[in-house]
N, C-alpha and C. Protein backbone atom coordinates (compact mmCIF):
# COMPACT_ATOMS: atom_id res chain seq x y z
N MET A 1 -22.91 -56.86 43.15
CA MET A 1 -21.96 -56.07 42.44
C MET A 1 -20.76 -56.90 42.01
N ALA A 2 -20.30 -57.80 42.84
CA ALA A 2 -19.17 -58.66 42.50
C ALA A 2 -19.54 -59.60 41.36
N PHE A 3 -20.81 -60.04 41.37
CA PHE A 3 -21.24 -60.93 40.28
C PHE A 3 -21.29 -60.20 38.95
N GLU A 4 -21.66 -58.93 38.97
CA GLU A 4 -21.70 -58.16 37.73
C GLU A 4 -20.29 -57.96 37.16
N GLU A 5 -19.32 -57.69 38.05
CA GLU A 5 -17.94 -57.54 37.60
C GLU A 5 -17.41 -58.86 37.05
N LEU A 6 -17.75 -59.94 37.74
CA LEU A 6 -17.33 -61.26 37.29
C LEU A 6 -17.94 -61.58 35.92
N LYS A 7 -19.20 -61.21 35.74
CA LYS A 7 -19.89 -61.44 34.46
C LYS A 7 -19.22 -60.62 33.35
N GLU A 8 -18.89 -59.36 33.65
CA GLU A 8 -18.22 -58.52 32.65
C GLU A 8 -16.84 -59.08 32.30
N ASN A 9 -16.10 -59.54 33.33
CA ASN A 9 -14.78 -60.12 33.08
C ASN A 9 -14.89 -61.39 32.24
N THR A 10 -15.90 -62.18 32.51
CA THR A 10 -16.11 -63.42 31.75
C THR A 10 -16.42 -63.10 30.30
N GLU A 11 -17.28 -62.12 30.07
CA GLU A 11 -17.60 -61.71 28.70
C GLU A 11 -16.36 -61.16 28.00
N ASN A 12 -15.55 -60.41 28.74
CA ASN A 12 -14.31 -59.85 28.18
C ASN A 12 -13.34 -60.97 27.80
N ILE A 13 -13.22 -61.98 28.65
CA ILE A 13 -12.35 -63.11 28.36
C ILE A 13 -12.85 -63.86 27.14
N GLN A 14 -14.14 -64.05 27.02
CA GLN A 14 -14.71 -64.73 25.87
C GLN A 14 -14.43 -63.96 24.58
N ASP A 15 -14.57 -62.64 24.63
CA ASP A 15 -14.29 -61.81 23.45
C ASP A 15 -12.81 -61.90 23.06
N GLN A 16 -11.94 -61.84 24.06
CA GLN A 16 -10.51 -61.93 23.77
C GLN A 16 -10.13 -63.30 23.22
N ALA A 17 -10.72 -64.36 23.76
CA ALA A 17 -10.45 -65.70 23.26
C ALA A 17 -10.93 -65.84 21.82
N LYS A 18 -12.09 -65.26 21.53
CA LYS A 18 -12.62 -65.32 20.17
C LYS A 18 -11.70 -64.57 19.20
N GLU A 19 -11.22 -63.39 19.59
CA GLU A 19 -10.30 -62.62 18.76
C GLU A 19 -8.99 -63.38 18.55
N TYR A 20 -8.51 -64.03 19.61
CA TYR A 20 -7.28 -64.80 19.53
C TYR A 20 -7.43 -65.94 18.54
N ILE A 21 -8.50 -66.67 18.61
CA ILE A 21 -8.74 -67.80 17.71
C ILE A 21 -8.88 -67.31 16.27
N GLU A 22 -9.61 -66.22 16.07
CA GLU A 22 -9.79 -65.68 14.72
C GLU A 22 -8.46 -65.21 14.12
N SER A 23 -7.63 -64.56 14.93
CA SER A 23 -6.35 -64.08 14.41
C SER A 23 -5.42 -65.25 14.08
N HIS A 24 -5.41 -66.27 14.91
CA HIS A 24 -4.58 -67.43 14.60
C HIS A 24 -5.11 -68.20 13.39
N LEU A 25 -6.40 -68.26 13.24
CA LEU A 25 -6.99 -68.91 12.07
C LEU A 25 -6.59 -68.17 10.79
N ALA A 26 -6.64 -66.84 10.85
CA ALA A 26 -6.24 -66.03 9.70
C ALA A 26 -4.75 -66.22 9.40
N TYR A 27 -3.94 -66.29 10.46
CA TYR A 27 -2.50 -66.50 10.27
C TYR A 27 -2.23 -67.83 9.58
N TYR A 28 -2.86 -68.90 10.03
CA TYR A 28 -2.61 -70.21 9.44
C TYR A 28 -3.18 -70.32 8.03
N LYS A 29 -4.25 -69.59 7.73
CA LYS A 29 -4.73 -69.56 6.35
C LYS A 29 -3.69 -68.90 5.45
N LEU A 30 -3.11 -67.79 5.89
CA LEU A 30 -2.07 -67.11 5.11
C LEU A 30 -0.82 -67.98 4.98
N TRP A 31 -0.45 -68.65 6.06
CA TRP A 31 0.72 -69.53 6.02
C TRP A 31 0.49 -70.67 5.03
N GLY A 32 -0.69 -71.27 5.06
CA GLY A 32 -1.02 -72.34 4.13
C GLY A 32 -1.00 -71.86 2.69
N PHE A 33 -1.53 -70.66 2.46
CA PHE A 33 -1.51 -70.08 1.11
C PHE A 33 -0.08 -69.86 0.64
N LYS A 34 0.76 -69.35 1.53
CA LYS A 34 2.16 -69.09 1.19
C LYS A 34 2.87 -70.40 0.82
N VAL A 35 2.70 -71.42 1.62
CA VAL A 35 3.35 -72.70 1.35
C VAL A 35 2.82 -73.32 0.06
N ALA A 36 1.51 -73.23 -0.15
CA ALA A 36 0.92 -73.78 -1.37
C ALA A 36 1.44 -73.05 -2.60
N MET A 37 1.56 -71.74 -2.53
CA MET A 37 2.04 -70.97 -3.68
C MET A 37 3.52 -71.24 -3.94
N LYS A 38 4.34 -71.34 -2.89
CA LYS A 38 5.75 -71.65 -3.09
C LYS A 38 5.90 -73.02 -3.74
N SER A 39 5.13 -73.98 -3.27
CA SER A 39 5.19 -75.33 -3.83
C SER A 39 4.73 -75.34 -5.28
N THR A 40 3.65 -74.64 -5.56
CA THR A 40 3.10 -74.59 -6.91
C THR A 40 4.08 -73.92 -7.87
N THR A 41 4.65 -72.81 -7.47
CA THR A 41 5.60 -72.12 -8.36
C THR A 41 6.86 -72.96 -8.56
N LEU A 42 7.30 -73.67 -7.52
CA LEU A 42 8.46 -74.53 -7.66
C LEU A 42 8.18 -75.65 -8.66
N ILE A 43 7.01 -76.27 -8.56
CA ILE A 43 6.64 -77.33 -9.49
C ILE A 43 6.49 -76.77 -10.91
N PHE A 44 5.90 -75.59 -11.03
CA PHE A 44 5.72 -74.98 -12.35
C PHE A 44 7.07 -74.67 -12.99
N LYS A 45 8.00 -74.09 -12.22
CA LYS A 45 9.32 -73.78 -12.76
C LYS A 45 10.05 -75.05 -13.17
N PHE A 46 9.95 -76.07 -12.33
CA PHE A 46 10.60 -77.34 -12.64
C PHE A 46 10.02 -77.94 -13.91
N THR A 47 8.71 -77.88 -14.07
CA THR A 47 8.06 -78.41 -15.27
C THR A 47 8.47 -77.63 -16.51
N LEU A 48 8.54 -76.33 -16.41
CA LEU A 48 8.94 -75.50 -17.53
C LEU A 48 10.38 -75.78 -17.96
N ILE A 49 11.27 -75.90 -17.00
CA ILE A 49 12.66 -76.21 -17.30
C ILE A 49 12.76 -77.61 -17.91
N LEU A 50 12.00 -78.54 -17.36
CA LEU A 50 12.00 -79.91 -17.90
C LEU A 50 11.48 -79.94 -19.33
N LEU A 51 10.46 -79.16 -19.62
CA LEU A 51 9.93 -79.10 -20.99
C LEU A 51 10.97 -78.56 -21.96
N CYS A 52 11.62 -77.47 -21.59
CA CYS A 52 12.66 -76.89 -22.47
C CYS A 52 13.82 -77.86 -22.65
N PHE A 53 14.25 -78.49 -21.57
CA PHE A 53 15.33 -79.46 -21.66
C PHE A 53 14.93 -80.65 -22.54
N SER A 54 13.68 -81.07 -22.44
CA SER A 54 13.20 -82.18 -23.27
C SER A 54 13.24 -81.84 -24.75
N MET A 55 12.89 -80.62 -25.09
CA MET A 55 12.93 -80.21 -26.50
C MET A 55 14.38 -80.21 -27.01
N VAL A 56 15.29 -79.68 -26.21
CA VAL A 56 16.71 -79.68 -26.61
C VAL A 56 17.20 -81.12 -26.75
N LEU A 57 16.83 -81.96 -25.80
CA LEU A 57 17.25 -83.36 -25.84
C LEU A 57 16.66 -84.09 -27.04
N LEU A 58 15.42 -83.81 -27.37
CA LEU A 58 14.78 -84.45 -28.52
C LEU A 58 15.51 -84.12 -29.83
N PHE A 59 15.70 -82.83 -30.07
CA PHE A 59 16.34 -82.43 -31.32
C PHE A 59 17.82 -82.81 -31.34
N GLY A 60 18.47 -82.75 -30.20
CA GLY A 60 19.86 -83.19 -30.12
C GLY A 60 19.98 -84.68 -30.38
N SER A 61 19.02 -85.45 -29.88
CA SER A 61 19.03 -86.90 -30.09
C SER A 61 18.82 -87.25 -31.56
N ILE A 62 17.92 -86.54 -32.21
CA ILE A 62 17.69 -86.79 -33.64
C ILE A 62 18.95 -86.45 -34.45
N ALA A 63 19.57 -85.33 -34.11
CA ALA A 63 20.79 -84.95 -34.82
C ALA A 63 21.90 -85.96 -34.57
N LEU A 64 22.04 -86.41 -33.32
CA LEU A 64 23.06 -87.39 -32.99
C LEU A 64 22.79 -88.73 -33.68
N ALA A 65 21.52 -89.10 -33.76
CA ALA A 65 21.17 -90.36 -34.42
C ALA A 65 21.51 -90.30 -35.91
N TYR A 66 21.24 -89.19 -36.55
CA TYR A 66 21.59 -89.06 -37.97
C TYR A 66 23.12 -89.02 -38.15
N ALA A 67 23.82 -88.41 -37.19
CA ALA A 67 25.29 -88.39 -37.28
C ALA A 67 25.85 -89.79 -37.13
N PHE A 68 25.34 -90.54 -36.15
CA PHE A 68 25.76 -91.94 -36.01
C PHE A 68 25.37 -92.75 -37.24
N GLY A 69 24.22 -92.42 -37.80
CA GLY A 69 23.76 -93.12 -39.00
C GLY A 69 24.71 -92.95 -40.17
N THR A 70 25.23 -91.76 -40.35
CA THR A 70 26.18 -91.55 -41.45
C THR A 70 27.51 -92.24 -41.15
N LEU A 71 27.90 -92.29 -39.88
CA LEU A 71 29.14 -92.99 -39.52
C LEU A 71 29.01 -94.50 -39.70
N LEU A 72 27.84 -95.03 -39.32
CA LEU A 72 27.65 -96.48 -39.38
C LEU A 72 27.08 -96.94 -40.72
N GLY A 73 26.67 -96.01 -41.55
CA GLY A 73 26.15 -96.36 -42.86
C GLY A 73 24.68 -96.69 -42.89
N SER A 74 23.96 -96.52 -41.75
CA SER A 74 22.53 -96.83 -41.69
C SER A 74 21.88 -95.97 -40.62
N ASN A 75 20.82 -95.27 -41.04
CA ASN A 75 20.12 -94.44 -40.06
C ASN A 75 19.50 -95.27 -38.95
N ALA A 76 19.06 -96.46 -39.26
CA ALA A 76 18.47 -97.33 -38.23
C ALA A 76 19.50 -97.67 -37.16
N LEU A 77 20.72 -97.96 -37.56
CA LEU A 77 21.77 -98.24 -36.57
C LEU A 77 22.11 -97.00 -35.74
N GLY A 78 22.04 -95.83 -36.36
CA GLY A 78 22.26 -94.59 -35.62
C GLY A 78 21.22 -94.38 -34.55
N PHE A 79 19.95 -94.62 -34.89
CA PHE A 79 18.88 -94.47 -33.91
C PHE A 79 18.99 -95.54 -32.82
N LEU A 80 19.39 -96.74 -33.20
CA LEU A 80 19.59 -97.79 -32.19
C LEU A 80 20.75 -97.45 -31.26
N ALA A 81 21.79 -96.84 -31.78
CA ALA A 81 22.92 -96.44 -30.94
C ALA A 81 22.49 -95.39 -29.91
N VAL A 82 21.72 -94.42 -30.36
CA VAL A 82 21.23 -93.39 -29.43
C VAL A 82 20.28 -94.01 -28.41
N GLY A 83 19.44 -94.93 -28.86
CA GLY A 83 18.56 -95.64 -27.92
C GLY A 83 19.35 -96.43 -26.89
N GLY A 84 20.44 -97.05 -27.30
CA GLY A 84 21.31 -97.78 -26.38
C GLY A 84 21.96 -96.87 -25.35
N ILE A 85 22.36 -95.69 -25.81
CA ILE A 85 22.94 -94.70 -24.87
C ILE A 85 21.90 -94.31 -23.82
N TYR A 86 20.66 -94.06 -24.27
CA TYR A 86 19.61 -93.70 -23.31
C TYR A 86 19.27 -94.86 -22.38
N LEU A 87 19.31 -96.08 -22.88
CA LEU A 87 19.08 -97.24 -22.02
C LEU A 87 20.15 -97.34 -20.95
N PHE A 88 21.39 -97.11 -21.32
CA PHE A 88 22.49 -97.13 -20.35
C PHE A 88 22.28 -96.08 -19.26
N PHE A 89 21.95 -94.85 -19.66
CA PHE A 89 21.74 -93.79 -18.67
C PHE A 89 20.51 -94.05 -17.80
N THR A 90 19.49 -94.68 -18.36
CA THR A 90 18.31 -95.02 -17.58
C THR A 90 18.63 -96.05 -16.51
N ILE A 91 19.39 -97.06 -16.87
CA ILE A 91 19.78 -98.07 -15.89
C ILE A 91 20.68 -97.45 -14.82
N LEU A 92 21.59 -96.60 -15.23
CA LEU A 92 22.46 -95.91 -14.28
C LEU A 92 21.65 -95.04 -13.32
N LEU A 93 20.68 -94.31 -13.85
CA LEU A 93 19.83 -93.46 -13.02
C LEU A 93 18.98 -94.28 -12.06
N PHE A 94 18.56 -95.45 -12.47
CA PHE A 94 17.78 -96.32 -11.60
C PHE A 94 18.56 -96.69 -10.35
N PHE A 95 19.85 -96.92 -10.50
CA PHE A 95 20.65 -97.33 -9.36
C PHE A 95 21.07 -96.18 -8.45
N VAL A 96 21.11 -94.96 -8.95
CA VAL A 96 21.53 -93.83 -8.13
C VAL A 96 20.40 -92.83 -7.88
N LYS A 97 19.16 -93.23 -8.11
CA LYS A 97 18.04 -92.28 -8.01
C LYS A 97 17.85 -91.73 -6.60
N ASP A 98 18.11 -92.54 -5.58
CA ASP A 98 17.90 -92.07 -4.21
C ASP A 98 18.82 -90.91 -3.86
N LYS A 99 20.04 -90.99 -4.30
CA LYS A 99 21.02 -89.97 -3.95
C LYS A 99 20.83 -88.68 -4.75
N PHE A 100 20.51 -88.79 -6.03
CA PHE A 100 20.49 -87.61 -6.89
C PHE A 100 19.11 -87.07 -7.22
N VAL A 101 18.06 -87.85 -7.00
CA VAL A 101 16.73 -87.40 -7.37
C VAL A 101 15.85 -87.18 -6.14
N GLU A 102 15.61 -88.22 -5.37
CA GLU A 102 14.68 -88.12 -4.25
C GLU A 102 15.21 -87.22 -3.14
N GLY A 103 16.51 -87.30 -2.85
CA GLY A 103 17.09 -86.49 -1.77
C GLY A 103 16.92 -85.00 -1.97
N PRO A 104 17.38 -84.45 -3.11
CA PRO A 104 17.23 -83.00 -3.31
C PRO A 104 15.78 -82.53 -3.36
N ILE A 105 14.88 -83.33 -3.93
CA ILE A 105 13.48 -82.93 -3.98
C ILE A 105 12.89 -82.90 -2.58
N LEU A 106 13.18 -83.93 -1.78
CA LEU A 106 12.69 -83.97 -0.40
C LEU A 106 13.27 -82.83 0.41
N GLU A 107 14.54 -82.52 0.19
CA GLU A 107 15.18 -81.42 0.91
C GLU A 107 14.54 -80.07 0.57
N LYS A 108 14.26 -79.86 -0.71
CA LYS A 108 13.68 -78.58 -1.14
C LYS A 108 12.28 -78.39 -0.57
N PHE A 109 11.45 -79.43 -0.63
CA PHE A 109 10.09 -79.31 -0.10
C PHE A 109 10.10 -79.21 1.42
N SER A 110 11.04 -79.86 2.08
CA SER A 110 11.16 -79.73 3.54
C SER A 110 11.54 -78.31 3.91
N GLU A 111 12.40 -77.71 3.11
CA GLU A 111 12.79 -76.31 3.35
C GLU A 111 11.59 -75.39 3.21
N ILE A 112 10.77 -75.64 2.21
CA ILE A 112 9.58 -74.79 2.00
C ILE A 112 8.60 -74.94 3.16
N PHE A 113 8.34 -76.17 3.58
CA PHE A 113 7.30 -76.40 4.58
C PHE A 113 7.75 -76.07 6.00
N PHE A 114 9.00 -76.34 6.35
CA PHE A 114 9.38 -76.27 7.75
C PHE A 114 10.26 -75.08 8.12
N ASN A 115 10.80 -74.36 7.17
CA ASN A 115 11.66 -73.22 7.52
C ASN A 115 10.93 -71.89 7.53
N ASP A 116 9.63 -71.89 7.32
CA ASP A 116 8.90 -70.61 7.33
C ASP A 116 8.15 -70.44 8.63
């Protein structure tokens, strides 16, 4: 009789352990889905904003180049002036990229992954 009770308790423990593992597996699947969706939507929003900003920058650059062209008397010089401005900002961004680019991106993704 004691062996039968022990056998029933063992089967009960096995069932509970199986339910525990299944529930935790389901939880981590949902957590992974949540993190993946937050990351995906963040990247999508960033890409969309970047695309819109690029269009504004493109047309603004063309307008600025033509404006410089009329001031300097040559459209080619106007476009070269705008290109020089972009070269300056690119070099500046290269030297400060760690502080203004990588840091905030790393911080945002760390917040998504570790604060939930």
